[in-house]
PDB file of N, CA and C in Angstrom:
ATOM      1  N   MET A   1       5.658 -31.468-337.948  1.00  0.00           N
ATOM      2  CA  MET A   1       4.530 -30.811-338.549  1.00  0.00           C
ATOM      3  C   MET A   1       3.289 -31.654-338.282  1.00  0.00           C
ATOM      4  N   ASN A   2       2.243 -30.993-337.855  1.00  0.00           N
ATOM      5  CA  ASN A   2       0.959 -31.634-337.600  1.00  0.00           C
ATOM      6  C   ASN A   2      -0.116 -30.836-338.323  1.00  0.00           C
ATOM      7  N   LEU A   3      -0.746 -31.441-339.322  1.00  0.00           N
ATOM      8  CA  LEU A   3      -1.823 -30.764-340.024  1.00  0.00           C
ATOM      9  C   LEU A   3      -3.017 -30.587-339.089  1.00  0.00           C
ATOM     10  N   ARG A   4      -3.619 -29.402-339.156  1.00  0.00           N
ATOM     11  CA  ARG A   4      -4.762 -29.104-338.300  1.00  0.00           C
ATOM     12  C   ARG A   4      -6.043 -29.683-338.892  1.00  0.00           C
ATOM     13  N   VAL A   5      -6.931 -30.120-338.005  1.00  0.00           N
ATOM     14  CA  VAL A   5      -8.222 -30.682-338.403  1.00  0.00           C
ATOM     15  C   VAL A   5      -9.323 -29.786-337.858  1.00  0.00           C
ATOM     16  N   PHE A   6     -10.287 -29.484-338.728  1.00  0.00           N
ATOM     17  CA  PHE A   6     -11.400 -28.615-338.379  1.00  0.00           C
ATOM     18  C   PHE A   6     -12.714 -29.358-338.579  1.00  0.00           C
ATOM     19  N   ALA A   7     -13.743 -28.926-337.871  1.00  0.00           N
ATOM     20  CA  ALA A   7     -15.106 -29.415-338.074  1.00  0.00           C
ATOM     21  C   ALA A   7     -15.951 -28.244-338.554  1.00  0.00           C
ATOM     22  N   ASN A   8     -16.798 -28.507-339.555  1.00  0.00           N
ATOM     23  CA  ASN A   8     -17.701 -27.453-340.003  1.00  0.00           C
ATOM     24  C   ASN A   8     -18.986 -27.506-339.183  1.00  0.00           C
ATOM     25  N   ALA A   9     -19.941 -26.673-339.508  1.00  0.00           N
ATOM     26  CA  ALA A   9     -21.180 -26.585-338.723  1.00  0.00           C
ATOM     27  C   ALA A   9     -21.957 -27.897-338.722  1.00  0.00           C
ATOM     28  N   SER A  10     -21.782 -28.718-339.753  1.00  0.00           N
ATOM     29  CA  SER A  10     -22.473 -30.009-339.834  1.00  0.00           C
ATOM     30  C   SER A  10     -21.710 -31.125-339.129  1.00  0.00           C
ATOM     31  N   GLY A  11     -20.523 -30.804-338.613  1.00  0.00           N
ATOM     32  CA  GLY A  11     -19.713 -31.806-337.933  1.00  0.00           C
ATOM     33  C   GLY A  11     -18.783 -32.581-338.843  1.00  0.00           C
ATOM     34  N   ASN A  12     -18.750 -32.231-340.123  1.00  0.00           N
ATOM     35  CA  ASN A  12     -17.831 -32.883-341.055  1.00  0.00           C
ATOM     36  C   ASN A  12     -16.405 -32.419-340.790  1.00  0.00           C
ATOM     37  N   LEU A  13     -15.472 -33.352-340.878  1.00  0.00           N
ATOM     38  CA  LEU A  13     -14.074 -33.024-340.596  1.00  0.00           C
ATOM     39  C   LEU A  13     -13.327 -32.668-341.863  1.00  0.00           C
ATOM     40  N   LEU A  14     -12.452 -31.685-341.750  1.00  0.00           N
ATOM     41  CA  LEU A  14     -11.615 -31.214-342.849  1.00  0.00           C
ATOM     42  C   LEU A  14     -10.193 -31.049-342.334  1.00  0.00           C
ATOM     43  N   VAL A  15      -9.223 -31.558-343.098  1.00  0.00           N
ATOM     44  CA  VAL A  15      -7.824 -31.379-342.727  1.00  0.00           C
ATOM     45  C   VAL A  15      -7.250 -30.250-343.586  1.00  0.00           C
ATOM     46  N   GLU A  16      -6.627 -29.307-342.929  1.00  0.00           N
ATOM     47  CA  GLU A  16      -6.056 -28.137-343.610  1.00  0.00           C
ATOM     48  C   GLU A  16      -4.735 -28.535-344.252  1.00  0.00           C
ATOM     49  N   ILE A  17      -4.614 -28.303-345.577  1.00  0.00           N
ATOM     50  CA  ILE A  17      -3.363 -28.654-346.263  1.00  0.00           C
ATOM     51  C   ILE A  17      -2.582 -27.423-346.720  1.00  0.00           C
ATOM     52  N   SER A  18      -3.179 -26.243-346.626  1.00  0.00           N
ATOM     53  CA  SER A  18      -2.396 -25.032-346.897  1.00  0.00           C
ATOM     54  C   SER A  18      -1.729 -24.615-345.590  1.00  0.00           C
ATOM     55  N   HIS A  19      -0.650 -23.885-345.708  1.00  0.00           N
ATOM     56  CA  HIS A  19       0.086 -23.467-344.513  1.00  0.00           C
ATOM     57  C   HIS A  19      -0.746 -22.472-343.714  1.00  0.00           C
ATOM     58  N   PRO A  20      -0.798 -22.625-342.397  1.00  0.00           N
ATOM     59  CA  PRO A  20      -1.619 -21.721-341.572  1.00  0.00           C
ATOM     60  C   PRO A  20      -1.261 -20.243-341.723  1.00  0.00           C
ATOM     61  N   SER A  21      -0.037 -19.932-342.095  1.00  0.00           N
ATOM     62  CA  SER A  21       0.346 -18.525-342.230  1.00  0.00           C
ATOM     63  C   SER A  21       0.194 -18.004-343.659  1.00  0.00           C
ATOM     64  N   LEU A  22      -0.385 -18.810-344.546  1.00  0.00           N
ATOM     65  CA  LEU A  22      -0.583 -18.401-345.931  1.00  0.00           C
ATOM     66  C   LEU A  22      -1.449 -17.146-345.997  1.00  0.00           C
ATOM     67  N   LYS A  23      -0.966 -16.144-346.707  1.00  0.00           N
ATOM     68  CA  LYS A  23      -1.722 -14.899-346.886  1.00  0.00           C
ATOM     69  C   LYS A  23      -2.580 -15.051-348.135  1.00  0.00           C
ATOM     70  N   SER A  24      -3.762 -15.602-347.958  1.00  0.00           N
ATOM     71  CA  SER A  24      -4.658 -15.864-349.072  1.00  0.00           C
ATOM     72  C   SER A  24      -6.087 -15.684-348.603  1.00  0.00           C
ATOM     73  N   ALA A  25      -6.972 -15.454-349.565  1.00  0.00           N
ATOM     74  CA  ALA A  25      -8.387 -15.301-349.228  1.00  0.00           C
ATOM     75  C   ALA A  25      -9.038 -16.647-348.934  1.00  0.00           C
ATOM     76  N   VAL A  26      -8.404 -17.731-349.384  1.00  0.00           N
ATOM     77  CA  VAL A  26      -8.976 -19.060-349.175  1.00  0.00           C
ATOM     78  C   VAL A  26      -7.952 -19.981-348.517  1.00  0.00           C
ATOM     79  N   THR A  27      -8.473 -20.999-347.858  1.00  0.00           N
ATOM     80  CA  THR A  27      -7.649 -22.029-347.239  1.00  0.00           C
ATOM     81  C   THR A  27      -7.987 -23.344-347.915  1.00  0.00           C
ATOM     82  N   TRP A  28      -6.975 -24.202-348.094  1.00  0.00           N
ATOM     83  CA  TRP A  28      -7.161 -25.486-348.776  1.00  0.00           C
ATOM     84  C   TRP A  28      -7.388 -26.588-347.749  1.00  0.00           C
ATOM     85  N   PHE A  29      -8.359 -27.449-348.041  1.00  0.00           N
ATOM     86  CA  PHE A  29      -8.719 -28.549-347.153  1.00  0.00           C
ATOM     87  C   PHE A  29      -8.956 -29.832-347.928  1.00  0.00           C
ATOM     88  N   LEU A  30      -8.865 -30.931-347.210  1.00  0.00           N
ATOM     89  CA  LEU A  30      -9.303 -32.239-347.695  1.00  0.00           C
ATOM     90  C   LEU A  30     -10.339 -32.771-346.712  1.00  0.00           C
ATOM     91  N   PRO A  31     -11.365 -33.471-347.208  1.00  0.00           N
ATOM     92  CA  PRO A  31     -12.332 -34.066-346.293  1.00  0.00           C
ATOM     93  C   PRO A  31     -11.732 -35.270-345.567  1.00  0.00           C
ATOM     94  N   MET A  32     -12.167 -35.483-344.342  1.00  0.00           N
ATOM     95  CA  MET A  32     -11.810 -36.678-343.555  1.00  0.00           C
ATOM     96  C   MET A  32     -13.101 -37.436-343.312  1.00  0.00           C
ATOM     97  N   LEU A  33     -13.210 -38.622-343.901  1.00  0.00           N
ATOM     98  CA  LEU A  33     -14.445 -39.390-343.819  1.00  0.00           C
ATOM     99  C   LEU A  33     -14.290 -40.553-342.849  1.00  0.00           C
ATOM    100  N   PRO A  34     -15.286 -40.757-341.982  1.00  0.00           N
ATOM    101  CA  PRO A  34     -15.228 -41.918-341.092  1.00  0.00           C
ATOM    102  C   PRO A  34     -15.250 -43.209-341.906  1.00  0.00           C
ATOM    103  N   GLN A  35     -14.660 -44.270-341.374  1.00  0.00           N
ATOM    104  CA  GLN A  35     -14.593 -45.568-342.042  1.00  0.00           C
ATOM    105  C   GLN A  35     -15.960 -46.032-342.532  1.00  0.00           C
ATOM    106  N   GLU A  36     -17.013 -45.713-341.798  1.00  0.00           N
ATOM    107  CA  GLU A  36     -18.350 -46.209-342.126  1.00  0.00           C
ATOM    108  C   GLU A  36     -19.127 -45.281-343.067  1.00  0.00           C
ATOM    109  N   SER A  37     -18.510 -44.237-343.569  1.00  0.00           N
ATOM    110  CA  SER A  37     -19.199 -43.268-344.418  1.00  0.00           C
ATOM    111  C   SER A  37     -19.633 -43.895-345.743  1.00  0.00           C
ATOM    112  N   PRO A  38     -20.918 -43.739-346.111  1.00  0.00           N
ATOM    113  CA  PRO A  38     -21.382 -44.250-347.405  1.00  0.00           C
ATOM    114  C   PRO A  38     -20.694 -43.565-348.587  1.00  0.00           C
ATOM    115  N   ALA A  39     -20.191 -42.360-348.400  1.00  0.00           N
ATOM    116  CA  ALA A  39     -19.505 -41.634-349.474  1.00  0.00           C
ATOM    117  C   ALA A  39     -18.256 -42.365-349.956  1.00  0.00           C
ATOM    118  N   LEU A  40     -17.677 -43.202-349.112  1.00  0.00           N
ATOM    119  CA  LEU A  40     -16.450 -43.923-349.492  1.00  0.00           C
ATOM    120  C   LEU A  40     -16.702 -44.929-350.600  1.00  0.00           C
ATOM    121  N   ARG A  41     -17.933 -45.418-350.731  1.00  0.00           N
ATOM    122  CA  ARG A  41     -18.250 -46.418-351.761  1.00  0.00           C
ATOM    123  C   ARG A  41     -18.026 -45.882-353.168  1.00  0.00           C
ATOM    124  N   GLY A  42     -18.151 -44.591-353.366  1.00  0.00           N
ATOM    125  CA  GLY A  42     -18.003 -43.999-354.686  1.00  0.00           C
ATOM    126  C   GLY A  42     -16.601 -43.526-355.004  1.00  0.00           C
ATOM    127  N   ILE A  43     -15.639 -43.842-354.148  1.00  0.00           N
ATOM    128  CA  ILE A  43     -14.271 -43.348-354.327  1.00  0.00           C
ATOM    129  C   ILE A  43     -13.334 -44.538-354.545  1.00  0.00           C
ATOM    130  N   ASP A  44     -12.490 -44.426-355.554  1.00  0.00           N
ATOM    131  CA  ASP A  44     -11.493 -45.456-355.833  1.00  0.00           C
ATOM    132  C   ASP A  44     -10.625 -45.651-354.585  1.00  0.00           C
ATOM    133  N   PRO A  45     -10.563 -46.881-354.047  1.00  0.00           N
ATOM    134  CA  PRO A  45      -9.777 -47.122-352.825  1.00  0.00           C
ATOM    135  C   PRO A  45      -8.304 -46.742-352.948  1.00  0.00           C
ATOM    136  N   SER A  46      -7.771 -46.744-354.169  1.00  0.00           N
ATOM    137  CA  SER A  46      -6.364 -46.364-354.339  1.00  0.00           C
ATOM    138  C   SER A  46      -6.159 -44.859-354.173  1.00  0.00           C
ATOM    139  N   ARG A  47      -7.249 -44.115-354.106  1.00  0.00           N
ATOM    140  CA  ARG A  47      -7.192 -42.656-353.923  1.00  0.00           C
ATOM    141  C   ARG A  47      -7.568 -42.244-352.507  1.00  0.00           C
ATOM    142  N   LEU A  48      -7.530 -43.222-351.587  1.00  0.00           N
ATOM    143  CA  LEU A  48      -7.840 -42.952-350.180  1.00  0.00           C
ATOM    144  C   LEU A  48      -6.608 -43.151-349.322  1.00  0.00           C
ATOM    145  N   LEU A  49      -6.526 -42.394-348.288  1.00  0.00           N
ATOM    146  CA  LEU A  49      -5.405 -42.462-347.350  1.00  0.00           C
ATOM    147  C   LEU A  49      -5.965 -42.567-345.937  1.00  0.00           C
ATOM    148  N   ALA A  50      -5.559 -43.588-345.197  1.00  0.00           N
ATOM    149  CA  ALA A  50      -6.046 -43.789-343.840  1.00  0.00           C
ATOM    150  C   ALA A  50      -5.235 -42.964-342.848  1.00  0.00           C
ATOM    151  N   VAL A  51      -5.946 -42.295-341.928  1.00  0.00           N
ATOM    152  CA  VAL A  51      -5.314 -41.521-340.856  1.00  0.00           C
ATOM    153  C   VAL A  51      -6.101 -41.751-339.572  1.00  0.00           C
ATOM    154  N   ARG A  52      -5.480 -41.422-338.452  1.00  0.00           N
ATOM    155  CA  ARG A  52      -6.151 -41.531-337.155  1.00  0.00           C
ATOM    156  C   ARG A  52      -6.246 -40.151-336.520  1.00  0.00           C
ATOM    157  N   LEU A  53      -7.379 -39.942-335.848  1.00  0.00           N
ATOM    158  CA  LEU A  53      -7.588 -38.737-335.051  1.00  0.00           C
ATOM    159  C   LEU A  53      -8.351 -39.161-333.814  1.00  0.00           C
ATOM    160  N   HIS A  54      -7.798 -38.865-332.652  1.00  0.00           N
ATOM    161  CA  HIS A  54      -8.428 -39.241-331.381  1.00  0.00           C
ATOM    162  C   HIS A  54      -8.771 -40.725-331.357  1.00  0.00           C
ATOM    163  N   GLU A  55      -7.819 -41.551-331.804  1.00  0.00           N
ATOM    164  CA  GLU A  55      -7.945 -43.016-331.786  1.00  0.00           C
ATOM    165  C   GLU A  55      -8.998 -43.567-332.743  1.00  0.00           C
ATOM    166  N   LYS A  56      -9.548 -42.740-333.625  1.00  0.00           N
ATOM    167  CA  LYS A  56     -10.548 -43.194-334.585  1.00  0.00           C
ATOM    168  C   LYS A  56      -9.950 -43.138-335.986  1.00  0.00           C
ATOM    169  N   LEU A  57     -10.274 -44.146-336.806  1.00  0.00           N
ATOM    170  CA  LEU A  57      -9.741 -44.232-338.164  1.00  0.00           C
ATOM    171  C   LEU A  57     -10.630 -43.470-339.142  1.00  0.00           C
ATOM    172  N   TYR A  58      -9.983 -42.688-340.014  1.00  0.00           N
ATOM    173  CA  TYR A  58     -10.669 -41.926-341.059  1.00  0.00           C
ATOM    174  C   TYR A  58      -9.984 -42.202-342.391  1.00  0.00           C
ATOM    175  N   GLN A  59     -10.698 -41.925-343.463  1.00  0.00           N
ATOM    176  CA  GLN A  59     -10.155 -42.006-344.811  1.00  0.00           C
ATOM    177  C   GLN A  59     -10.150 -40.610-345.418  1.00  0.00           C
ATOM    178  N   ILE A  60      -9.051 -40.263-346.070  1.00  0.00           N
ATOM    179  CA  ILE A  60      -8.945 -38.971-346.746  1.00  0.00           C
ATOM    180  C   ILE A  60      -8.863 -39.217-348.248  1.00  0.00           C
ATOM    181  N   PRO A  61      -9.863 -38.746-349.006  1.00  0.00           N
ATOM    182  CA  PRO A  61      -9.759 -38.799-350.463  1.00  0.00           C
ATOM    183  C   PRO A  61      -8.862 -37.639-350.919  1.00  0.00           C
ATOM    184  N   TYR A  62      -7.588 -37.939-351.112  1.00  0.00           N
ATOM    185  CA  TYR A  62      -6.598 -36.870-351.259  1.00  0.00           C
ATOM    186  C   TYR A  62      -6.658 -36.125-352.587  1.00  0.00           C
ATOM    187  N   LEU A  63      -7.540 -36.527-353.498  1.00  0.00           N
ATOM    188  CA  LEU A  63      -7.731 -35.766-354.732  1.00  0.00           C
ATOM    189  C   LEU A  63      -8.878 -34.760-354.624  1.00  0.00           C
ATOM    190  N   HIS A  64      -9.603 -34.771-353.517  1.00  0.00           N
ATOM    191  CA  HIS A  64     -10.784 -33.943-353.339  1.00  0.00           C
ATOM    192  C   HIS A  64     -10.458 -32.660-352.580  1.00  0.00           C
ATOM    193  N   ILE A  65      -9.593 -31.853-353.146  1.00  0.00           N
ATOM    194  CA  ILE A  65      -9.177 -30.602-352.509  1.00  0.00           C
ATOM    195  C   ILE A  65     -10.316 -29.592-352.566  1.00  0.00           C
ATOM    196  N   ARG A  66     -10.596 -28.972-351.434  1.00  0.00           N
ATOM    197  CA  ARG A  66     -11.619 -27.937-351.334  1.00  0.00           C
ATOM    198  C   ARG A  66     -10.951 -26.644-350.892  1.00  0.00           C
ATOM    199  N   THR A  67     -11.482 -25.543-351.364  1.00  0.00           N
ATOM    200  CA  THR A  67     -11.037 -24.254-350.850  1.00  0.00           C
ATOM    201  C   THR A  67     -12.218 -23.611-350.132  1.00  0.00           C
ATOM    202  N   ILE A  68     -11.919 -23.009-349.003  1.00  0.00           N
ATOM    203  CA  ILE A  68     -12.949 -22.343-348.204  1.00  0.00           C
ATOM    204  C   ILE A  68     -12.450 -20.942-347.869  1.00  0.00           C
ATOM    205  N   ARG A  69     -13.291 -19.978-348.122  1.00  0.00           N
ATOM    206  CA  ARG A  69     -12.965 -18.593-347.766  1.00  0.00           C
ATOM    207  C   ARG A  69     -13.109 -18.470-346.253  1.00  0.00           C
ATOM    208  N   MET A  70     -12.012 -18.246-345.587  1.00  0.00           N
ATOM    209  CA  MET A  70     -12.034 -18.167-344.125  1.00  0.00           C
ATOM    210  C   MET A  70     -12.895 -16.985-343.691  1.00  0.00           C
ATOM    211  N   GLY A  71     -13.660 -17.203-342.659  1.00  0.00           N
ATOM    212  CA  GLY A  71     -14.551 -16.173-342.150  1.00  0.00           C
ATOM    213  C   GLY A  71     -15.962 -16.308-342.693  1.00  0.00           C
ATOM    214  N   THR A  72     -16.134 -17.068-343.795  1.00  0.00           N
ATOM    215  CA  THR A  72     -17.481 -17.238-344.356  1.00  0.00           C
ATOM    216  C   THR A  72     -18.127 -18.528-343.860  1.00  0.00           C
ATOM    217  N   ALA A  73     -17.309 -19.493-343.489  1.00  0.00           N
ATOM    218  CA  ALA A  73     -17.832 -20.771-342.991  1.00  0.00           C
ATOM    219  C   ALA A  73     -17.356 -20.961-341.555  1.00  0.00           C
ATOM    220  N   PRO A  74     -18.286 -21.262-340.647  1.00  0.00           N
ATOM    221  CA  PRO A  74     -17.854 -21.483-339.262  1.00  0.00           C
ATOM    222  C   PRO A  74     -17.101 -22.805-339.132  1.00  0.00           C
ATOM    223  N   LEU A  75     -15.820 -22.713-338.843  1.00  0.00           N
ATOM    224  CA  LEU A  75     -14.980 -23.889-338.649  1.00  0.00           C
ATOM    225  C   LEU A  75     -14.369 -23.828-337.257  1.00  0.00           C
ATOM    226  N   ALA A  76     -14.316 -24.984-336.618  1.00  0.00           N
ATOM    227  CA  ALA A  76     -13.710 -25.066-335.293  1.00  0.00           C
ATOM    228  C   ALA A  76     -12.582 -26.082-335.339  1.00  0.00           C
ATOM    229  N   GLU A  77     -11.409 -25.688-334.869  1.00  0.00           N
ATOM    230  CA  GLU A  77     -10.293 -26.632-334.821  1.00  0.00           C
ATOM    231  C   GLU A  77     -10.589 -27.701-333.770  1.00  0.00           C
ATOM    232  N   VAL A  78     -10.469 -28.978-334.186  1.00  0.00           N
ATOM    233  CA  VAL A  78     -10.799 -30.086-333.285  1.00  0.00           C
ATOM    234  C   VAL A  78      -9.600 -30.980-332.975  1.00  0.00           C
ATOM    235  N   GLY A  79      -8.474 -30.714-333.602  1.00  0.00           N
ATOM    236  CA  GLY A  79      -7.291 -31.531-333.331  1.00  0.00           C
ATOM    237  C   GLY A  79      -6.250 -31.384-334.418  1.00  0.00           C
ATOM    238  N   GLN A  80      -5.259 -32.259-334.336  1.00  0.00           N
ATOM    239  CA  GLN A  80      -4.169 -32.269-335.317  1.00  0.00           C
ATOM    240  C   GLN A  80      -3.824 -33.714-335.642  1.00  0.00           C
ATOM    241  N   LEU A  81      -3.434 -33.928-336.905  1.00  0.00           N
ATOM    242  CA  LEU A  81      -2.951 -35.245-337.281  1.00  0.00           C
ATOM    243  C   LEU A  81      -1.553 -35.452-336.718  1.00  0.00           C
ATOM    244  N   GLU A  82      -1.191 -36.692-336.508  1.00  0.00           N
ATOM    245  CA  GLU A  82       0.167 -37.026-336.074  1.00  0.00           C
ATOM    246  C   GLU A  82       1.139 -36.652-337.193  1.00  0.00           C
ATOM    247  N   PRO A  83       2.408 -36.403-336.863  1.00  0.00           N
ATOM    248  CA  PRO A  83       3.383 -36.005-337.891  1.00  0.00           C
ATOM    249  C   PRO A  83       3.484 -36.998-339.052  1.00  0.00           C
ATOM    250  N   GLU A  84       3.501 -38.292-338.765  1.00  0.00           N
ATOM    251  CA  GLU A  84       3.632 -39.283-339.836  1.00  0.00           C
ATOM    252  C   GLU A  84       2.433 -39.233-340.787  1.00  0.00           C
ATOM    253  N   ASP A  85       1.223 -39.115-340.240  1.00  0.00           N
ATOM    254  CA  ASP A  85       0.029 -39.000-341.083  1.00  0.00           C
ATOM    255  C   ASP A  85       0.052 -37.697-341.874  1.00  0.00           C
ATOM    256  N   SER A  86       0.483 -36.617-341.253  1.00  0.00           N
ATOM    257  CA  SER A  86       0.549 -35.316-341.925  1.00  0.00           C
ATOM    258  C   SER A  86       1.495 -35.375-343.124  1.00  0.00           C
ATOM    259  N   ILE A  87       2.659 -35.935-342.923  1.00  0.00           N
ATOM    260  CA  ILE A  87       3.639 -36.054-344.012  1.00  0.00           C
ATOM    261  C   ILE A  87       3.098 -36.947-345.115  1.00  0.00           C
ATOM    262  N   ASN A  88       2.447 -38.029-344.744  1.00  0.00           N
ATOM    263  CA  ASN A  88       1.891 -38.962-345.718  1.00  0.00           C
ATOM    264  C   ASN A  88       0.830 -38.282-346.589  1.00  0.00           C
ATOM    265  N   VAL A  89      -0.034 -37.478-345.981  1.00  0.00           N
ATOM    266  CA  VAL A  89      -1.055 -36.744-346.736  1.00  0.00           C
ATOM    267  C   VAL A  89      -0.389 -35.821-347.747  1.00  0.00           C
ATOM    268  N   LEU A  90       0.553 -35.026-347.299  1.00  0.00           N
ATOM    269  CA  LEU A  90       1.203 -34.063-348.196  1.00  0.00           C
ATOM    270  C   LEU A  90       2.020 -34.755-349.281  1.00  0.00           C
ATOM    271  N   ASN A  91       2.650 -35.874-348.973  1.00  0.00           N
ATOM    272  CA  ASN A  91       3.404 -36.622-349.984  1.00  0.00           C
ATOM    273  C   ASN A  91       2.481 -37.165-351.071  1.00  0.00           C
ATOM    274  N   HIS A  92       1.305 -37.642-350.713  1.00  0.00           N
ATOM    275  CA  HIS A  92       0.356 -38.143-351.707  1.00  0.00           C
ATOM    276  C   HIS A  92      -0.095 -37.018-352.642  1.00  0.00           C
ATOM    277  N   ILE A  93      -0.307 -35.837-352.098  1.00  0.00           N
ATOM    278  CA  ILE A  93      -0.692 -34.696-352.930  1.00  0.00           C
ATOM    279  C   ILE A  93       0.466 -34.307-353.840  1.00  0.00           C
ATOM    280  N   GLN A  94       1.665 -34.259-353.298  1.00  0.00           N
ATOM    281  CA  GLN A  94       2.840 -33.900-354.094  1.00  0.00           C
ATOM    282  C   GLN A  94       3.035 -34.879-355.249  1.00  0.00           C
ATOM    283  N   ASP A  95       2.768 -36.131-355.030  1.00  0.00           N
ATOM    284  CA  ASP A  95       2.959 -37.151-356.072  1.00  0.00           C
ATOM    285  C   ASP A  95       2.076 -36.942-357.286  1.00  0.00           C
ATOM    286  N   ILE A  96       0.946 -36.237-357.123  1.00  0.00           N
ATOM    287  CA  ILE A  96       0.047 -36.040-358.264  1.00  0.00           C
ATOM    288  C   ILE A  96       0.252 -34.686-358.962  1.00  0.00           C
ATOM    289  N   LEU A  97       1.088 -33.840-358.391  1.00  0.00           N
ATOM    290  CA  LEU A  97       1.329 -32.533-359.001  1.00  0.00           C
ATOM    291  C   LEU A  97       2.197 -32.673-360.252  1.00  0.00           C
ATOM    292  N   ALA A  98       1.984 -31.775-361.189  1.00  0.00           N
ATOM    293  CA  ALA A  98       2.716 -31.826-362.464  1.00  0.00           C
ATOM    294  C   ALA A  98       4.091 -31.180-362.311  1.00  0.00           C
ATOM    295  N   TRP A  99       5.071 -31.977-362.045  1.00  0.00           N
ATOM    296  CA  TRP A  99       6.454 -31.490-361.962  1.00  0.00           C
ATOM    297  C   TRP A  99       7.374 -32.612-362.399  1.00  0.00           C
ATOM    298  N   ASP A 100       8.543 -32.250-362.857  1.00  0.00           N
ATOM    299  CA  ASP A 100       9.528 -33.273-363.239  1.00  0.00           C
ATOM    300  C   ASP A 100      10.911 -32.902-362.813  1.00  0.00           C
TER     301      ASP A 100
END
C-alpha cells in the first residue's frame, strides 16, 4: 500500500488517508510540511511523523486531519509514499482512535 500525495493550487502537499475507492463526498488528508516550514514550530514534536517523498524529508502532523470535497479544490497527484511510511502514518492515526 502506498498512500497518494497531492499538491493543491498553492503547492502545499497533502497525503490522502481515506481509501481511494471510498464512496464519499469528501476525502481525508493530512498535511505534509517541509522540514524548514515555520508552521512546525507550533506543533508538538511528539505529534509529528517524518516521511520521505522524492528524496526530500517532510513532517506530517498526524492529528491535523482535513477533509476536502473532491472537485471543489484543484488537486494534482504528485507521488506516493513508500509502503513503510504509509503504514506508519496509518498506524499513528489508528493509535489515537477510541477503541478497545
